[in-house]
Amino acid sequence: MLKYGSPETGELRFKAFRSRVERRDEQWIDVELRFELEEGSALPDDVTDLTALVICTKKGDVFQVVPQDEGMDCEYQFTPSEKEQIIRYVEQELDVTALVKINQTHG
């Protein structure tokens, strides 16, 4: 992770993801991701509860990946490698548009 204004970086490697998918409006779909980190990969000391808000288009394409701590935007950003891991998971493992439809019929 990259902290704004700091030259230091760390690289998180994700072992597993848990997701929650919700349609925000007619244009955007929000995917909240929780992580299990690989051994040897550690969060920065000042991050308590890291999640990612992945904002997708209504077709399921990833538009933005935002790190959050305790459900709020934080002073970190994901590295290109971390974003790549997250985007790969969303694009390959989740059918975002199908999950939204399931949530709408069961919600």
PDB file of N, CA and C in Angstrom:
ATOM      1  N   MET A   1       0.840  -1.172   0.000  1.00  0.00           N
ATOM      2  CA  MET A   1       0.000   0.000   0.000  1.00  0.00           C
ATOM      3  C   MET A   1       0.886   1.236   0.000  1.00  0.00           C
ATOM      4  N   LEU A   2       0.343   2.269  -0.546  1.00  0.00           N
ATOM      5  CA  LEU A   2       1.040   3.549  -0.623  1.00  0.00           C
ATOM      6  C   LEU A   2       0.304   4.558   0.253  1.00  0.00           C
ATOM      7  N   LYS A   3       1.034   5.183   1.174  1.00  0.00           N
ATOM      8  CA  LYS A   3       0.436   6.226   1.999  1.00  0.00           C
ATOM      9  C   LYS A   3       0.702   7.563   1.336  1.00  0.00           C
ATOM     10  N   TYR A   4      -0.355   8.363   1.187  1.00  0.00           N
ATOM     11  CA  TYR A   4      -0.194   9.672   0.558  1.00  0.00           C
ATOM     12  C   TYR A   4       0.893  10.458   1.271  1.00  0.00           C
ATOM     13  N   GLY A   5       1.845  11.011   0.504  1.00  0.00           N
ATOM     14  CA  GLY A   5       2.900  11.838   1.044  1.00  0.00           C
ATOM     15  C   GLY A   5       4.079  11.077   1.636  1.00  0.00           C
ATOM     16  N   SER A   6       4.054   9.758   1.615  1.00  0.00           N
ATOM     17  CA  SER A   6       5.136   8.973   2.187  1.00  0.00           C
ATOM     18  C   SER A   6       5.899   8.244   1.084  1.00  0.00           C
ATOM     19  N   PRO A   7       7.216   8.209   1.172  1.00  0.00           N
ATOM     20  CA  PRO A   7       7.989   7.487   0.159  1.00  0.00           C
ATOM     21  C   PRO A   7       7.976   5.974   0.380  1.00  0.00           C
ATOM     22  N   GLU A   8       7.548   5.533   1.558  1.00  0.00           N
ATOM     23  CA  GLU A   8       7.542   4.104   1.867  1.00  0.00           C
ATOM     24  C   GLU A   8       6.343   3.412   1.230  1.00  0.00           C
ATOM     25  N   THR A   9       6.590   2.190   0.760  1.00  0.00           N
ATOM     26  CA  THR A   9       5.505   1.382   0.215  1.00  0.00           C
ATOM     27  C   THR A   9       5.589  -0.020   0.790  1.00  0.00           C
ATOM     28  N   GLY A  10       4.465  -0.675   0.811  1.00  0.00           N
ATOM     29  CA  GLY A  10       4.384  -2.081   1.174  1.00  0.00           C
ATOM     30  C   GLY A  10       3.546  -2.766   0.119  1.00  0.00           C
ATOM     31  N   GLU A  11       3.701  -4.047   0.001  1.00  0.00           N
ATOM     32  CA  GLU A  11       2.962  -4.786  -1.030  1.00  0.00           C
ATOM     33  C   GLU A  11       2.130  -5.875  -0.364  1.00  0.00           C
ATOM     34  N   LEU A  12       0.806  -5.749  -0.449  1.00  0.00           N
ATOM     35  CA  LEU A  12      -0.075  -6.773   0.098  1.00  0.00           C
ATOM     36  C   LEU A  12      -0.309  -7.862  -0.941  1.00  0.00           C
ATOM     37  N   ARG A  13      -0.321  -9.102  -0.473  1.00  0.00           N
ATOM     38  CA  ARG A  13      -0.678 -10.233  -1.330  1.00  0.00           C
ATOM     39  C   ARG A  13      -1.922 -10.873  -0.725  1.00  0.00           C
ATOM     40  N   PHE A  14      -2.975 -10.934  -1.517  1.00  0.00           N
ATOM     41  CA  PHE A  14      -4.260 -11.411  -1.038  1.00  0.00           C
ATOM     42  C   PHE A  14      -4.392 -12.911  -1.268  1.00  0.00           C
ATOM     43  N   LYS A  15      -4.837 -13.596  -0.233  1.00  0.00           N
ATOM     44  CA  LYS A  15      -5.031 -15.047  -0.294  1.00  0.00           C
ATOM     45  C   LYS A  15      -6.474 -15.387  -0.649  1.00  0.00           C
ATOM     46  N   ALA A  16      -7.404 -14.634  -0.086  1.00  0.00           N
ATOM     47  CA  ALA A  16      -8.826 -14.899  -0.320  1.00  0.00           C
ATOM     48  C   ALA A  16      -9.608 -13.596  -0.194  1.00  0.00           C
ATOM     49  N   PHE A  17     -10.770 -13.587  -0.832  1.00  0.00           N
ATOM     50  CA  PHE A  17     -11.652 -12.416  -0.816  1.00  0.00           C
ATOM     51  C   PHE A  17     -13.055 -12.833  -0.375  1.00  0.00           C
ATOM     52  N   ARG A  18     -13.741 -11.931   0.288  1.00  0.00           N
ATOM     53  CA  ARG A  18     -15.186 -12.056   0.558  1.00  0.00           C
ATOM     54  C   ARG A  18     -15.811 -10.798  -0.006  1.00  0.00           C
ATOM     55  N   SER A  19     -16.934 -10.964  -0.679  1.00  0.00           N
ATOM     56  CA  SER A  19     -17.517  -9.810  -1.367  1.00  0.00           C
ATOM     57  C   SER A  19     -18.982  -9.609  -1.002  1.00  0.00           C
ATOM     58  N   ARG A  20     -19.385  -8.361  -1.108  1.00  0.00           N
ATOM     59  CA  ARG A  20     -20.787  -7.964  -0.991  1.00  0.00           C
ATOM     60  C   ARG A  20     -21.051  -7.024  -2.153  1.00  0.00           C
ATOM     61  N   VAL A  21     -22.077  -7.340  -2.940  1.00  0.00           N
ATOM     62  CA  VAL A  21     -22.377  -6.578  -4.152  1.00  0.00           C
ATOM     63  C   VAL A  21     -23.716  -5.885  -3.983  1.00  0.00           C
ATOM     64  N   GLU A  22     -23.762  -4.600  -4.368  1.00  0.00           N
ATOM     65  CA  GLU A  22     -24.991  -3.819  -4.214  1.00  0.00           C
ATOM     66  C   GLU A  22     -25.081  -2.781  -5.330  1.00  0.00           C
ATOM     67  N   ARG A  23     -26.250  -2.674  -5.926  1.00  0.00           N
ATOM     68  CA  ARG A  23     -26.455  -1.643  -6.946  1.00  0.00           C
ATOM     69  C   ARG A  23     -26.638  -0.300  -6.238  1.00  0.00           C
ATOM     70  N   ARG A  24     -25.818   0.666  -6.623  1.00  0.00           N
ATOM     71  CA  ARG A  24     -25.922   2.005  -6.039  1.00  0.00           C
ATOM     72  C   ARG A  24     -27.046   2.789  -6.695  1.00  0.00           C
ATOM     73  N   ASP A  25     -27.079   2.762  -8.035  1.00  0.00           N
ATOM     74  CA  ASP A  25     -28.096   3.469  -8.806  1.00  0.00           C
ATOM     75  C   ASP A  25     -28.126   2.839 -10.193  1.00  0.00           C
ATOM     76  N   GLU A  26     -28.702   3.517 -11.154  1.00  0.00           N
ATOM     77  CA  GLU A  26     -28.812   2.951 -12.499  1.00  0.00           C
ATOM     78  C   GLU A  26     -27.485   2.890 -13.234  1.00  0.00           C
ATOM     79  N   GLN A  27     -26.459   3.596 -12.744  1.00  0.00           N
ATOM     80  CA  GLN A  27     -25.170   3.641 -13.430  1.00  0.00           C
ATOM     81  C   GLN A  27     -24.083   2.809 -12.752  1.00  0.00           C
ATOM     82  N   TRP A  28     -24.098   2.723 -11.406  1.00  0.00           N
ATOM     83  CA  TRP A  28     -22.978   2.138 -10.672  1.00  0.00           C
ATOM     84  C   TRP A  28     -23.381   0.951  -9.818  1.00  0.00           C
ATOM     85  N   ILE A  29     -22.440   0.008  -9.696  1.00  0.00           N
ATOM     86  CA  ILE A  29     -22.574  -1.144  -8.809  1.00  0.00           C
ATOM     87  C   ILE A  29     -21.380  -1.103  -7.856  1.00  0.00           C
ATOM     88  N   ASP A  30     -21.650  -1.213  -6.567  1.00  0.00           N
ATOM     89  CA  ASP A  30     -20.584  -1.202  -5.562  1.00  0.00           C
ATOM     90  C   ASP A  30     -20.285  -2.631  -5.118  1.00  0.00           C
ATOM     91  N   VAL A  31     -19.006  -2.955  -5.060  1.00  0.00           N
ATOM     92  CA  VAL A  31     -18.554  -4.241  -4.544  1.00  0.00           C
ATOM     93  C   VAL A  31     -17.650  -3.931  -3.357  1.00  0.00           C
ATOM     94  N   GLU A  32     -18.047  -4.424  -2.186  1.00  0.00           N
ATOM     95  CA  GLU A  32     -17.195  -4.273  -1.014  1.00  0.00           C
ATOM     96  C   GLU A  32     -16.426  -5.576  -0.842  1.00  0.00           C
ATOM     97  N   LEU A  33     -15.109  -5.463  -0.756  1.00  0.00           N
ATOM     98  CA  LEU A  33     -14.259  -6.643  -0.594  1.00  0.00           C
ATOM     99  C   LEU A  33     -13.572  -6.625   0.762  1.00  0.00           C
ATOM    100  N   ARG A  34     -13.582  -7.772   1.405  1.00  0.00           N
ATOM    101  CA  ARG A  34     -12.781  -8.014   2.600  1.00  0.00           C
ATOM    102  C   ARG A  34     -11.716  -9.017   2.191  1.00  0.00           C
ATOM    103  N   PHE A  35     -10.584  -8.998   2.877  1.00  0.00           N
ATOM    104  CA  PHE A  35      -9.436  -9.778   2.451  1.00  0.00           C
ATOM    105  C   PHE A  35      -8.929 -10.718   3.528  1.00  0.00           C
ATOM    106  N   GLU A  36      -8.342 -11.804   3.060  1.00  0.00           N
ATOM    107  CA  GLU A  36      -7.458 -12.614   3.883  1.00  0.00           C
ATOM    108  C   GLU A  36      -6.098 -12.482   3.215  1.00  0.00           C
ATOM    109  N   LEU A  37      -5.094 -12.109   3.998  1.00  0.00           N
ATOM    110  CA  LEU A  37      -3.765 -11.870   3.440  1.00  0.00           C
ATOM    111  C   LEU A  37      -2.924 -13.137   3.478  1.00  0.00           C
ATOM    112  N   GLU A  38      -2.016 -13.242   2.504  1.00  0.00           N
ATOM    113  CA  GLU A  38      -1.065 -14.343   2.503  1.00  0.00           C
ATOM    114  C   GLU A  38      -0.114 -14.174   3.679  1.00  0.00           C
ATOM    115  N   GLU A  39       0.458 -15.281   4.130  1.00  0.00           N
ATOM    116  CA  GLU A  39       1.424 -15.236   5.209  1.00  0.00           C
ATOM    117  C   GLU A  39       2.602 -14.350   4.805  1.00  0.00           C
ATOM    118  N   GLY A  40       3.044 -13.524   5.729  1.00  0.00           N
ATOM    119  CA  GLY A  40       4.144 -12.608   5.452  1.00  0.00           C
ATOM    120  C   GLY A  40       3.689 -11.271   4.896  1.00  0.00           C
ATOM    121  N   SER A  41       2.416 -11.138   4.614  1.00  0.00           N
ATOM    122  CA  SER A  41       1.853  -9.891   4.112  1.00  0.00           C
ATOM    123  C   SER A  41       1.108  -9.230   5.270  1.00  0.00           C
ATOM    124  N   ALA A  42       1.413  -7.976   5.564  1.00  0.00           N
ATOM    125  CA  ALA A  42       0.820  -7.330   6.737  1.00  0.00           C
ATOM    126  C   ALA A  42       0.303  -5.940   6.392  1.00  0.00           C
ATOM    127  N   LEU A  43      -0.796  -5.589   7.046  1.00  0.00           N
ATOM    128  CA  LEU A  43      -1.360  -4.247   6.892  1.00  0.00           C
ATOM    129  C   LEU A  43      -0.443  -3.221   7.548  1.00  0.00           C
ATOM    130  N   PRO A  44      -0.485  -1.982   7.086  1.00  0.00           N
ATOM    131  CA  PRO A  44       0.223  -0.913   7.803  1.00  0.00           C
ATOM    132  C   PRO A  44      -0.302  -0.825   9.241  1.00  0.00           C
ATOM    133  N   ASP A  45       0.567  -0.423  10.155  1.00  0.00           N
ATOM    134  CA  ASP A  45       0.207  -0.378  11.576  1.00  0.00           C
ATOM    135  C   ASP A  45      -0.995   0.510  11.871  1.00  0.00           C
ATOM    136  N   ASP A  46      -1.191   1.568  11.088  1.00  0.00           N
ATOM    137  CA  ASP A  46      -2.279   2.497  11.378  1.00  0.00           C
ATOM    138  C   ASP A  46      -3.570   2.179  10.616  1.00  0.00           C
ATOM    139  N   VAL A  47      -3.673   0.987  10.033  1.00  0.00           N
ATOM    140  CA  VAL A  47      -4.903   0.551   9.372  1.00  0.00           C
ATOM    141  C   VAL A  47      -5.562  -0.507  10.249  1.00  0.00           C
ATOM    142  N   THR A  48      -6.833  -0.283  10.593  1.00  0.00           N
ATOM    143  CA  THR A  48      -7.544  -1.161  11.511  1.00  0.00           C
ATOM    144  C   THR A  48      -8.350  -2.237  10.803  1.00  0.00           C
ATOM    145  N   ASP A  49      -9.161  -1.838   9.823  1.00  0.00           N
ATOM    146  CA  ASP A  49     -10.090  -2.758   9.161  1.00  0.00           C
ATOM    147  C   ASP A  49     -10.128  -2.436   7.670  1.00  0.00           C
ATOM    148  N   LEU A  50      -9.160  -2.966   6.929  1.00  0.00           N
ATOM    149  CA  LEU A  50      -9.035  -2.666   5.508  1.00  0.00           C
ATOM    150  C   LEU A  50     -10.097  -3.393   4.683  1.00  0.00           C
ATOM    151  N   THR A  51     -10.761  -2.628   3.839  1.00  0.00           N
ATOM    152  CA  THR A  51     -11.646  -3.177   2.818  1.00  0.00           C
ATOM    153  C   THR A  51     -11.376  -2.399   1.532  1.00  0.00           C
ATOM    154  N   ALA A  52     -11.945  -2.878   0.452  1.00  0.00           N
ATOM    155  CA  ALA A  52     -11.861  -2.142  -0.810  1.00  0.00           C
ATOM    156  C   ALA A  52     -13.276  -1.909  -1.308  1.00  0.00           C
ATOM    157  N   LEU A  53     -13.532  -0.710  -1.754  1.00  0.00           N
ATOM    158  CA  LEU A  53     -14.760  -0.398  -2.453  1.00  0.00           C
ATOM    159  C   LEU A  53     -14.409  -0.412  -3.930  1.00  0.00           C
ATOM    160  N   VAL A  54     -14.969  -1.384  -4.656  1.00  0.00           N
ATOM    161  CA  VAL A  54     -14.727  -1.498  -6.087  1.00  0.00           C
ATOM    162  C   VAL A  54     -15.985  -0.995  -6.779  1.00  0.00           C
ATOM    163  N   ILE A  55     -15.846   0.080  -7.516  1.00  0.00           N
ATOM    164  CA  ILE A  55     -16.980   0.688  -8.202  1.00  0.00           C
ATOM    165  C   ILE A  55     -16.981   0.162  -9.631  1.00  0.00           C
ATOM    166  N   CYS A  56     -18.104  -0.456 -10.010  1.00  0.00           N
ATOM    167  CA  CYS A  56     -18.241  -1.062 -11.330  1.00  0.00           C
ATOM    168  C   CYS A  56     -19.349  -0.375 -12.118  1.00  0.00           C
ATOM    169  N   THR A  57     -19.241  -0.444 -13.436  1.00  0.00           N
ATOM    170  CA  THR A  57     -20.318   0.043 -14.291  1.00  0.00           C
ATOM    171  C   THR A  57     -21.481  -0.935 -14.223  1.00  0.00           C
ATOM    172  N   LYS A  58     -22.611  -0.548 -14.762  1.00  0.00           N
ATOM    173  CA  LYS A  58     -23.778  -1.435 -14.735  1.00  0.00           C
ATOM    174  C   LYS A  58     -23.544  -2.710 -15.542  1.00  0.00           C
ATOM    175  N   LYS A  59     -22.531  -2.709 -16.413  1.00  0.00           N
ATOM    176  CA  LYS A  59     -22.171  -3.917 -17.162  1.00  0.00           C
ATOM    177  C   LYS A  59     -21.182  -4.789 -16.397  1.00  0.00           C
ATOM    178  N   GLY A  60     -20.715  -4.316 -15.250  1.00  0.00           N
ATOM    179  CA  GLY A  60     -19.799  -5.092 -14.425  1.00  0.00           C
ATOM    180  C   GLY A  60     -18.335  -4.791 -14.622  1.00  0.00           C
ATOM    181  N   ASP A  61     -18.000  -3.780 -15.431  1.00  0.00           N
ATOM    182  CA  ASP A  61     -16.600  -3.407 -15.640  1.00  0.00           C
ATOM    183  C   ASP A  61     -16.102  -2.576 -14.459  1.00  0.00           C
ATOM    184  N   VAL A  62     -14.882  -2.851 -14.016  1.00  0.00           N
ATOM    185  CA  VAL A  62     -14.306  -2.109 -12.895  1.00  0.00           C
ATOM    186  C   VAL A  62     -13.962  -0.690 -13.345  1.00  0.00           C
ATOM    187  N   PHE A  63     -14.460   0.296 -12.593  1.00  0.00           N
ATOM    188  CA  PHE A  63     -14.207   1.707 -12.874  1.00  0.00           C
ATOM    189  C   PHE A  63     -13.171   2.279 -11.914  1.00  0.00           C
ATOM    190  N   GLN A  64     -13.277   1.916 -10.621  1.00  0.00           N
ATOM    191  CA  GLN A  64     -12.387   2.482  -9.617  1.00  0.00           C
ATOM    192  C   GLN A  64     -12.237   1.506  -8.459  1.00  0.00           C
ATOM    193  N   VAL A  65     -11.054   1.514  -7.830  1.00  0.00           N
ATOM    194  CA  VAL A  65     -10.774   0.686  -6.651  1.00  0.00           C
ATOM    195  C   VAL A  65     -10.310   1.623  -5.540  1.00  0.00           C
ATOM    196  N   VAL A  66     -11.076   1.676  -4.444  1.00  0.00           N
ATOM    197  CA  VAL A  66     -10.808   2.626  -3.366  1.00  0.00           C
ATOM    198  C   VAL A  66     -10.557   1.875  -2.063  1.00  0.00           C
ATOM    199  N   PRO A  67      -9.373   2.029  -1.463  1.00  0.00           N
ATOM    200  CA  PRO A  67      -9.153   1.407  -0.151  1.00  0.00           C
ATOM    201  C   PRO A  67      -9.933   2.158   0.921  1.00  0.00           C
ATOM    202  N   GLN A  68     -10.442   1.393   1.883  1.00  0.00           N
ATOM    203  CA  GLN A  68     -11.166   2.004   2.993  1.00  0.00           C
ATOM    204  C   GLN A  68     -10.703   1.362   4.295  1.00  0.00           C
ATOM    205  N   ASP A  69     -10.709   2.152   5.346  1.00  0.00           N
ATOM    206  CA  ASP A  69     -10.394   1.671   6.684  1.00  0.00           C
ATOM    207  C   ASP A  69     -11.608   1.954   7.549  1.00  0.00           C
ATOM    208  N   GLU A  70     -12.142   0.913   8.147  1.00  0.00           N
ATOM    209  CA  GLU A  70     -13.358   1.016   8.955  1.00  0.00           C
ATOM    210  C   GLU A  70     -14.501   1.644   8.161  1.00  0.00           C
ATOM    211  N   GLY A  71     -14.604   1.299   6.870  1.00  0.00           N
ATOM    212  CA  GLY A  71     -15.701   1.762   6.032  1.00  0.00           C
ATOM    213  C   GLY A  71     -15.594   3.181   5.514  1.00  0.00           C
ATOM    214  N   MET A  72     -14.458   3.817   5.746  1.00  0.00           N
ATOM    215  CA  MET A  72     -14.268   5.216   5.315  1.00  0.00           C
ATOM    216  C   MET A  72     -13.034   5.287   4.420  1.00  0.00           C
ATOM    217  N   ASP A  73     -13.024   6.288   3.509  1.00  0.00           N
ATOM    218  CA  ASP A  73     -11.826   6.519   2.714  1.00  0.00           C
ATOM    219  C   ASP A  73     -10.650   6.737   3.661  1.00  0.00           C
ATOM    220  N   CYS A  74      -9.477   6.257   3.255  1.00  0.00           N
ATOM    221  CA  CYS A  74      -8.319   6.394   4.126  1.00  0.00           C
ATOM    222  C   CYS A  74      -7.172   7.067   3.381  1.00  0.00           C
ATOM    223  N   GLU A  75      -6.061   7.276   4.071  1.00  0.00           N
ATOM    224  CA  GLU A  75      -4.941   7.998   3.483  1.00  0.00           C
ATOM    225  C   GLU A  75      -3.999   7.097   2.701  1.00  0.00           C
ATOM    226  N   TYR A  76      -4.466   5.925   2.335  1.00  0.00           N
ATOM    227  CA  TYR A  76      -3.673   4.993   1.549  1.00  0.00           C
ATOM    228  C   TYR A  76      -4.287   4.806   0.173  1.00  0.00           C
ATOM    229  N   GLN A  77      -3.474   4.323  -0.732  1.00  0.00           N
ATOM    230  CA  GLN A  77      -3.964   3.864  -2.016  1.00  0.00           C
ATOM    231  C   GLN A  77      -3.333   2.501  -2.287  1.00  0.00           C
ATOM    232  N   PHE A  78      -3.980   1.716  -3.117  1.00  0.00           N
ATOM    233  CA  PHE A  78      -3.427   0.421  -3.474  1.00  0.00           C
ATOM    234  C   PHE A  78      -2.323   0.608  -4.504  1.00  0.00           C
ATOM    235  N   THR A  79      -1.324  -0.273  -4.444  1.00  0.00           N
ATOM    236  CA  THR A  79      -0.274  -0.278  -5.458  1.00  0.00           C
ATOM    237  C   THR A  79      -0.859  -0.854  -6.747  1.00  0.00           C
ATOM    238  N   PRO A  80      -0.182  -0.660  -7.875  1.00  0.00           N
ATOM    239  CA  PRO A  80      -0.670  -1.275  -9.121  1.00  0.00           C
ATOM    240  C   PRO A  80      -0.841  -2.791  -9.013  1.00  0.00           C
ATOM    241  N   SER A  81       0.072  -3.460  -8.323  1.00  0.00           N
ATOM    242  CA  SER A  81      -0.030  -4.911  -8.156  1.00  0.00           C
ATOM    243  C   SER A  81      -1.243  -5.296  -7.311  1.00  0.00           C
ATOM    244  N   GLU A  82      -1.499  -4.544  -6.253  1.00  0.00           N
ATOM    245  CA  GLU A  82      -2.671  -4.820  -5.405  1.00  0.00           C
ATOM    246  C   GLU A  82      -3.956  -4.600  -6.195  1.00  0.00           C
ATOM    247  N   LYS A  83      -4.016  -3.504  -6.949  1.00  0.00           N
ATOM    248  CA  LYS A  83      -5.197  -3.251  -7.795  1.00  0.00           C
ATOM    249  C   LYS A  83      -5.395  -4.380  -8.794  1.00  0.00           C
ATOM    250  N   GLU A  84      -4.301  -4.861  -9.373  1.00  0.00           N
ATOM    251  CA  GLU A  84      -4.389  -5.943 -10.347  1.00  0.00           C
ATOM    252  C   GLU A  84      -4.987  -7.202  -9.718  1.00  0.00           C
ATOM    253  N   GLN A  85      -4.571  -7.536  -8.496  1.00  0.00           N
ATOM    254  CA  GLN A  85      -5.126  -8.699  -7.800  1.00  0.00           C
ATOM    255  C   GLN A  85      -6.629  -8.529  -7.564  1.00  0.00           C
ATOM    256  N   ILE A  86      -7.021  -7.343  -7.142  1.00  0.00           N
ATOM    257  CA  ILE A  86      -8.427  -7.055  -6.845  1.00  0.00           C
ATOM    258  C   ILE A  86      -9.262  -7.096  -8.117  1.00  0.00           C
ATOM    259  N   ILE A  87      -8.799  -6.430  -9.162  1.00  0.00           N
ATOM    260  CA  ILE A  87      -9.545  -6.387 -10.422  1.00  0.00           C
ATOM    261  C   ILE A  87      -9.661  -7.787 -11.019  1.00  0.00           C
ATOM    262  N   ARG A  88      -8.583  -8.570 -10.957  1.00  0.00           N
ATOM    263  CA  ARG A  88      -8.624  -9.939 -11.473  1.00  0.00           C
ATOM    264  C   ARG A  88      -9.705 -10.751 -10.742  1.00  0.00           C
ATOM    265  N   TYR A  89      -9.762 -10.615  -9.427  1.00  0.00           N
ATOM    266  CA  TYR A  89     -10.786 -11.325  -8.657  1.00  0.00           C
ATOM    267  C   TYR A  89     -12.191 -10.895  -9.095  1.00  0.00           C
ATOM    268  N   VAL A  90     -12.427  -9.606  -9.167  1.00  0.00           N
ATOM    269  CA  VAL A  90     -13.762  -9.111  -9.534  1.00  0.00           C
ATOM    270  C   VAL A  90     -14.141  -9.559 -10.947  1.00  0.00           C
ATOM    271  N   GLU A  91     -13.219  -9.452 -11.884  1.00  0.00           N
ATOM    272  CA  GLU A  91     -13.535  -9.792 -13.276  1.00  0.00           C
ATOM    273  C   GLU A  91     -13.631 -11.291 -13.518  1.00  0.00           C
ATOM    274  N   GLN A  92     -12.828 -12.092 -12.805  1.00  0.00           N
ATOM    275  CA  GLN A  92     -12.787 -13.521 -13.089  1.00  0.00           C
ATOM    276  C   GLN A  92     -13.642 -14.356 -12.150  1.00  0.00           C
ATOM    277  N   GLU A  93     -13.823 -13.911 -10.917  1.00  0.00           N
ATOM    278  CA  GLU A  93     -14.525 -14.733  -9.933  1.00  0.00           C
ATOM    279  C   GLU A  93     -15.945 -14.271  -9.630  1.00  0.00           C
ATOM    280  N   LEU A  94     -16.238 -13.017  -9.882  1.00  0.00           N
ATOM    281  CA  LEU A  94     -17.580 -12.494  -9.595  1.00  0.00           C
ATOM    282  C   LEU A  94     -18.307 -12.198 -10.888  1.00  0.00           C
ATOM    283  N   ASP A  95     -19.567 -12.538 -10.941  1.00  0.00           N
ATOM    284  CA  ASP A  95     -20.428 -12.066 -12.021  1.00  0.00           C
ATOM    285  C   ASP A  95     -21.267 -10.961 -11.387  1.00  0.00           C
ATOM    286  N   VAL A  96     -20.729  -9.752 -11.402  1.00  0.00           N
ATOM    287  CA  VAL A  96     -21.299  -8.623 -10.665  1.00  0.00           C
ATOM    288  C   VAL A  96     -22.748  -8.375 -11.050  1.00  0.00           C
ATOM    289  N   THR A  97     -23.042  -8.348 -12.341  1.00  0.00           N
ATOM    290  CA  THR A  97     -24.416  -8.042 -12.769  1.00  0.00           C
ATOM    291  C   THR A  97     -25.377  -9.140 -12.350  1.00  0.00           C
ATOM    292  N   ALA A  98     -24.959 -10.405 -12.387  1.00  0.00           N
ATOM    293  CA  ALA A  98     -25.832 -11.503 -11.954  1.00  0.00           C
ATOM    294  C   ALA A  98     -26.082 -11.429 -10.450  1.00  0.00           C
ATOM    295  N   LEU A  99     -25.047 -11.097  -9.667  1.00  0.00           N
ATOM    296  CA  LEU A  99     -25.221 -10.987  -8.217  1.00  0.00           C
ATOM    297  C   LEU A  99     -26.179  -9.870  -7.859  1.00  0.00           C
ATOM    298  N   VAL A 100     -26.139  -8.761  -8.584  1.00  0.00           N
ATOM    299  CA  VAL A 100     -27.070  -7.663  -8.331  1.00  0.00           C
ATOM    300  C   VAL A 100     -28.491  -8.129  -8.598  1.00  0.00           C
ATOM    301  N   LYS A 101     -28.701  -8.843  -9.688  1.00  0.00           N
ATOM    302  CA  LYS A 101     -30.048  -9.341 -10.013  1.00  0.00           C
ATOM    303  C   LYS A 101     -30.556 -10.291  -8.953  1.00  0.00           C
ATOM    304  N   ILE A 102     -29.692 -11.178  -8.449  1.00  0.00           N
ATOM    305  CA  ILE A 102     -30.079 -12.120  -7.391  1.00  0.00           C
ATOM    306  C   ILE A 102     -30.466 -11.339  -6.133  1.00  0.00           C
ATOM    307  N   ASN A 103     -29.650 -10.342  -5.768  1.00  0.00           N
ATOM    308  CA  ASN A 103     -29.940  -9.529  -4.574  1.00  0.00           C
ATOM    309  C   ASN A 103     -31.269  -8.791  -4.719  1.00  0.00           C
ATOM    310  N   GLN A 104     -31.596  -8.329  -5.932  1.00  0.00           N
ATOM    311  CA  GLN A 104     -32.833  -7.599  -6.133  1.00  0.00           C
ATOM    312  C   GLN A 104     -34.041  -8.519  -6.025  1.00  0.00           C
ATOM    313  N   THR A 105     -33.948  -9.756  -6.466  1.00  0.00           N
ATOM    314  CA  THR A 105     -35.087 -10.658  -6.402  1.00  0.00           C
ATOM    315  C   THR A 105     -35.264 -11.282  -5.020  1.00  0.00           C
ATOM    316  N   HIS A 106     -34.177 -11.331  -4.213  1.00  0.00           N
ATOM    317  CA  HIS A 106     -34.246 -11.916  -2.881  1.00  0.00           C
ATOM    318  C   HIS A 106     -34.225 -10.858  -1.782  1.00  0.00           C
ATOM    319  N   GLY A 107     -34.100  -9.596  -2.137  1.00  0.00           N
ATOM    320  CA  GLY A 107     -33.979  -8.529  -1.139  1.00  0.00           C
ATOM    321  C   GLY A 107     -35.256  -7.887  -0.939  1.00  0.00           C
TER     322      GLY A 107
END
